[in-house]
Amino acid sequence: MEAVVFFKCLSDTTRLRIITLLHHRGELCVCELMTALQESQPKISRHLAQLRNCGLLKDQRRGQWVYYSINPELPPWTANALSAACHASDTQLKADVDNLNGQQEDLCTRVTDA
């Protein structure tokens, strides 16, 4: 992966927030990202598709849910860049994690019950 492609993919605030959350948590589904970022499903899904098309994310279907994680085949230098991004956006990452942790029930189940 070229550095230009990597950083272009992360140049949007929502995509950067998604990546830092995934770097912090390992994997999340769309409904968890919606809660953490307090954004709509279409917006989150659009940004996930862009990150997947750039090669930054991988997805895995489990039943009706799709879970996203950072592509483990990214070049080693990207891990340092992602760690730096997490530290640089520490306040926003903490707020996003707090939004996510504030939910006690299974977020994905709740969305389908609504």
C-alpha atoms as a PDB file:
ATOM      1  CA  MET A   1       0.000   0.000   0.000  1.00  0.00           C
ATOM      2  CA  GLU A   2       1.266   3.424  -0.930  1.00  0.00           C
ATOM      3  CA  ALA A   3       1.408   6.074   1.755  1.00  0.00           C
ATOM      4  CA  VAL A   4      -0.664   8.475  -0.354  1.00  0.00           C
ATOM      5  CA  VAL A   5      -3.540   5.989  -0.614  1.00  0.00           C
ATOM      6  CA  PHE A   6      -3.357   5.191   3.095  1.00  0.00           C
ATOM      7  CA  PHE A   7      -3.455   8.809   4.224  1.00  0.00           C
ATOM      8  CA  LYS A   8      -6.082   9.836   1.654  1.00  0.00           C
ATOM      9  CA  CYS A   9      -8.365   7.139   3.029  1.00  0.00           C
ATOM     10  CA  LEU A  10      -7.919   8.539   6.520  1.00  0.00           C
ATOM     11  CA  SER A  11      -8.338  12.202   5.526  1.00  0.00           C
ATOM     12  CA  ASP A  12     -12.036  12.186   6.456  1.00  0.00           C
ATOM     13  CA  THR A  13     -12.970  12.676  10.126  1.00  0.00           C
ATOM     14  CA  THR A  14     -15.521   9.847  10.171  1.00  0.00           C
ATOM     15  CA  ARG A  15     -13.144   7.367   8.535  1.00  0.00           C
ATOM     16  CA  LEU A  16     -10.362   8.344  10.937  1.00  0.00           C
ATOM     17  CA  ARG A  17     -12.708   7.851  13.901  1.00  0.00           C
ATOM     18  CA  ILE A  18     -13.733   4.421  12.559  1.00  0.00           C
ATOM     19  CA  ILE A  19     -10.116   3.341  12.103  1.00  0.00           C
ATOM     20  CA  THR A  20      -9.027   4.544  15.539  1.00  0.00           C
ATOM     21  CA  LEU A  21     -11.946   2.708  17.165  1.00  0.00           C
ATOM     22  CA  LEU A  22     -11.108  -0.473  15.282  1.00  0.00           C
ATOM     23  CA  HIS A  23      -7.440  -0.094  16.185  1.00  0.00           C
ATOM     24  CA  HIS A  24      -8.492   0.237  19.824  1.00  0.00           C
ATOM     25  CA  ARG A  25     -11.220  -2.459  19.938  1.00  0.00           C
ATOM     26  CA  GLY A  26     -10.143  -4.991  17.301  1.00  0.00           C
ATOM     27  CA  GLU A  27     -13.474  -5.465  15.549  1.00  0.00           C
ATOM     28  CA  LEU A  28     -16.909  -3.875  15.547  1.00  0.00           C
ATOM     29  CA  CYS A  29     -20.154  -4.195  13.621  1.00  0.00           C
ATOM     30  CA  VAL A  30     -22.020  -1.337  11.939  1.00  0.00           C
ATOM     31  CA  CYS A  31     -24.507  -0.948  14.788  1.00  0.00           C
ATOM     32  CA  GLU A  32     -21.682  -0.594  17.316  1.00  0.00           C
ATOM     33  CA  LEU A  33     -19.989   2.020  15.129  1.00  0.00           C
ATOM     34  CA  MET A  34     -23.305   3.879  14.791  1.00  0.00           C
ATOM     35  CA  THR A  35     -23.575   4.064  18.586  1.00  0.00           C
ATOM     36  CA  ALA A  36     -19.955   5.030  19.142  1.00  0.00           C
ATOM     37  CA  LEU A  37     -19.876   7.748  16.491  1.00  0.00           C
ATOM     38  CA  GLN A  38     -23.543   8.754  16.882  1.00  0.00           C
ATOM     39  CA  GLU A  39     -24.010   8.692  13.118  1.00  0.00           C
ATOM     40  CA  SER A  40     -26.587   7.102  10.807  1.00  0.00           C
ATOM     41  CA  GLN A  41     -26.266   3.614   9.346  1.00  0.00           C
ATOM     42  CA  PRO A  42     -25.987   4.857   5.727  1.00  0.00           C
ATOM     43  CA  LYS A  43     -23.157   7.238   6.627  1.00  0.00           C
ATOM     44  CA  ILE A  44     -21.214   4.595   8.579  1.00  0.00           C
ATOM     45  CA  SER A  45     -21.745   1.987   5.839  1.00  0.00           C
ATOM     46  CA  ARG A  46     -20.569   4.387   3.125  1.00  0.00           C
ATOM     47  CA  HIS A  47     -17.353   5.137   5.004  1.00  0.00           C
ATOM     48  CA  LEU A  48     -16.766   1.457   5.778  1.00  0.00           C
ATOM     49  CA  ALA A  49     -17.098   0.676   2.061  1.00  0.00           C
ATOM     50  CA  GLN A  50     -14.514   3.342   1.247  1.00  0.00           C
ATOM     51  CA  LEU A  51     -12.107   1.995   3.851  1.00  0.00           C
ATOM     52  CA  ARG A  52     -12.625  -1.548   2.563  1.00  0.00           C
ATOM     53  CA  ASN A  53     -12.067  -0.434  -1.048  1.00  0.00           C
ATOM     54  CA  CYS A  54      -8.805   1.237   0.008  1.00  0.00           C
ATOM     55  CA  GLY A  55      -7.689  -2.052   1.535  1.00  0.00           C
ATOM     56  CA  LEU A  56      -7.598  -0.772   5.115  1.00  0.00           C
ATOM     57  CA  LEU A  57     -10.393  -2.991   6.424  1.00  0.00           C
ATOM     58  CA  LYS A  58     -11.484  -6.566   6.172  1.00  0.00           C
ATOM     59  CA  ASP A  59     -14.965  -7.765   6.929  1.00  0.00           C
ATOM     60  CA  GLN A  60     -16.388 -11.030   8.172  1.00  0.00           C
ATOM     61  CA  ARG A  61     -20.021 -12.066   8.013  1.00  0.00           C
ATOM     62  CA  ARG A  62     -21.423 -13.870  11.049  1.00  0.00           C
ATOM     63  CA  GLY A  63     -25.073 -14.670  10.533  1.00  0.00           C
ATOM     64  CA  GLN A  64     -26.799 -11.459   9.542  1.00  0.00           C
ATOM     65  CA  TRP A  65     -24.040  -9.229  10.925  1.00  0.00           C
ATOM     66  CA  VAL A  66     -20.839  -8.037   9.294  1.00  0.00           C
ATOM     67  CA  TYR A  67     -17.893  -7.324  11.567  1.00  0.00           C
ATOM     68  CA  TYR A  68     -15.069  -5.036  10.490  1.00  0.00           C
ATOM     69  CA  SER A  69     -11.432  -5.040  11.535  1.00  0.00           C
ATOM     70  CA  ILE A  70      -8.183  -3.535  10.315  1.00  0.00           C
ATOM     71  CA  ASN A  71      -6.655  -5.547   7.499  1.00  0.00           C
ATOM     72  CA  PRO A  72      -3.827  -7.593   9.076  1.00  0.00           C
ATOM     73  CA  GLU A  73      -1.977  -7.611   5.739  1.00  0.00           C
ATOM     74  CA  LEU A  74      -1.261  -3.884   5.824  1.00  0.00           C
ATOM     75  CA  PRO A  75       2.428  -2.957   5.657  1.00  0.00           C
ATOM     76  CA  PRO A  76       4.157  -2.755   9.074  1.00  0.00           C
ATOM     77  CA  TRP A  77       4.623   1.027   8.885  1.00  0.00           C
ATOM     78  CA  THR A  78       0.841   1.508   8.993  1.00  0.00           C
ATOM     79  CA  ALA A  79       0.681   0.168  12.568  1.00  0.00           C
ATOM     80  CA  ASN A  80       2.866   3.063  13.725  1.00  0.00           C
ATOM     81  CA  ALA A  81       0.714   5.549  11.813  1.00  0.00           C
ATOM     82  CA  LEU A  82      -2.484   4.120  13.330  1.00  0.00           C
ATOM     83  CA  SER A  83      -1.026   4.227  16.842  1.00  0.00           C
ATOM     84  CA  ALA A  84      -0.002   7.845  16.296  1.00  0.00           C
ATOM     85  CA  ALA A  85      -3.498   8.664  15.020  1.00  0.00           C
ATOM     86  CA  CYS A  86      -5.016   7.140  18.166  1.00  0.00           C
ATOM     87  CA  HIS A  87      -2.747   9.211  20.400  1.00  0.00           C
ATOM     88  CA  ALA A  88      -3.379  12.372  18.383  1.00  0.00           C
ATOM     89  CA  SER A  89      -7.155  11.944  18.608  1.00  0.00           C
ATOM     90  CA  ASP A  90      -7.179  10.668  22.195  1.00  0.00           C
ATOM     91  CA  THR A  91     -10.011  12.954  23.361  1.00  0.00           C
ATOM     92  CA  GLN A  92     -12.313  11.989  20.476  1.00  0.00           C
ATOM     93  CA  LEU A  93     -11.414   8.299  20.799  1.00  0.00           C
ATOM     94  CA  LYS A  94     -12.228   8.382  24.516  1.00  0.00           C
ATOM     95  CA  ALA A  95     -15.625   9.973  23.800  1.00  0.00           C
ATOM     96  CA  ASP A  96     -16.370   7.374  21.101  1.00  0.00           C
ATOM     97  CA  VAL A  97     -15.345   4.495  23.398  1.00  0.00           C
ATOM     98  CA  ASP A  98     -17.469   5.967  26.194  1.00  0.00           C
ATOM     99  CA  ASN A  99     -20.468   6.083  23.819  1.00  0.00           C
ATOM    100  CA  LEU A 100     -19.870   2.449  22.948  1.00  0.00           C
ATOM    101  CA  ASN A 101     -19.277   1.315  26.532  1.00  0.00           C
ATOM    102  CA  GLY A 102     -22.403   3.107  27.720  1.00  0.00           C
ATOM    103  CA  GLN A 103     -24.518   0.476  26.009  1.00  0.00           C
ATOM    104  CA  GLN A 104     -25.169  -2.521  28.262  1.00  0.00           C
ATOM    105  CA  GLU A 105     -27.289  -4.580  25.861  1.00  0.00           C
ATOM    106  CA  ASP A 106     -26.403  -6.249  22.592  1.00  0.00           C
ATOM    107  CA  LEU A 107     -26.518  -3.293  20.201  1.00  0.00           C
ATOM    108  CA  CYS A 108     -27.118  -5.312  17.068  1.00  0.00           C
ATOM    109  CA  THR A 109     -30.048  -7.190  18.591  1.00  0.00           C
ATOM    110  CA  ARG A 110     -31.635  -3.949  19.756  1.00  0.00           C
ATOM    111  CA  VAL A 111     -31.449  -2.441  16.254  1.00  0.00           C
ATOM    112  CA  THR A 112     -33.373  -5.345  14.710  1.00  0.00           C
ATOM    113  CA  ASP A 113     -35.986  -5.320  17.483  1.00  0.00           C
ATOM    114  CA  ALA A 114     -36.861  -1.676  16.823  1.00  0.00           C
END
